[in-house]
Amino acid sequence: MFFEFRQYRIKDGRRDEWVKFMEEEIIPFQISQGMVVVGSFTGETEPDLYIWIRRFDSEEQRVALYKAVYESEKWLTVIKPIIDTMLDRSRVVVTRIVPTSKSVIR
């Protein structure tokens, strides 16, 4: 098992709009496709920072879920065009992390 710790920078002070879109559209859609979303966060002192964490059981599962989500018609025609107006893709940082034996998140 591993997690993706995804750090995004949101354009033009649109973080509140971004969070609403994530929590009402993106996260529910991804969950409907089988993704496990562990958490959704904003930076306390960084007004453009948004972080979310997803969990995968294996690399094979991650590949299958990426395909189900990112190659879907809904993603390509509805969700992605909206994302492109708010997300600074050049500053996205995705870190794969593995929980230690004492980690509460599993």
Foldseek 3Di string as FASTA:
>chain_A
DKKKKKKWFWPDLCVVVVVCCCVVPVVVVLVVLPKAWDDWDADPPRSRIIITMTDDPDPVRVVSSCCSQVVDPCCVPPVVVVCVVITPVVPMDIDMGDDDPPDPPD
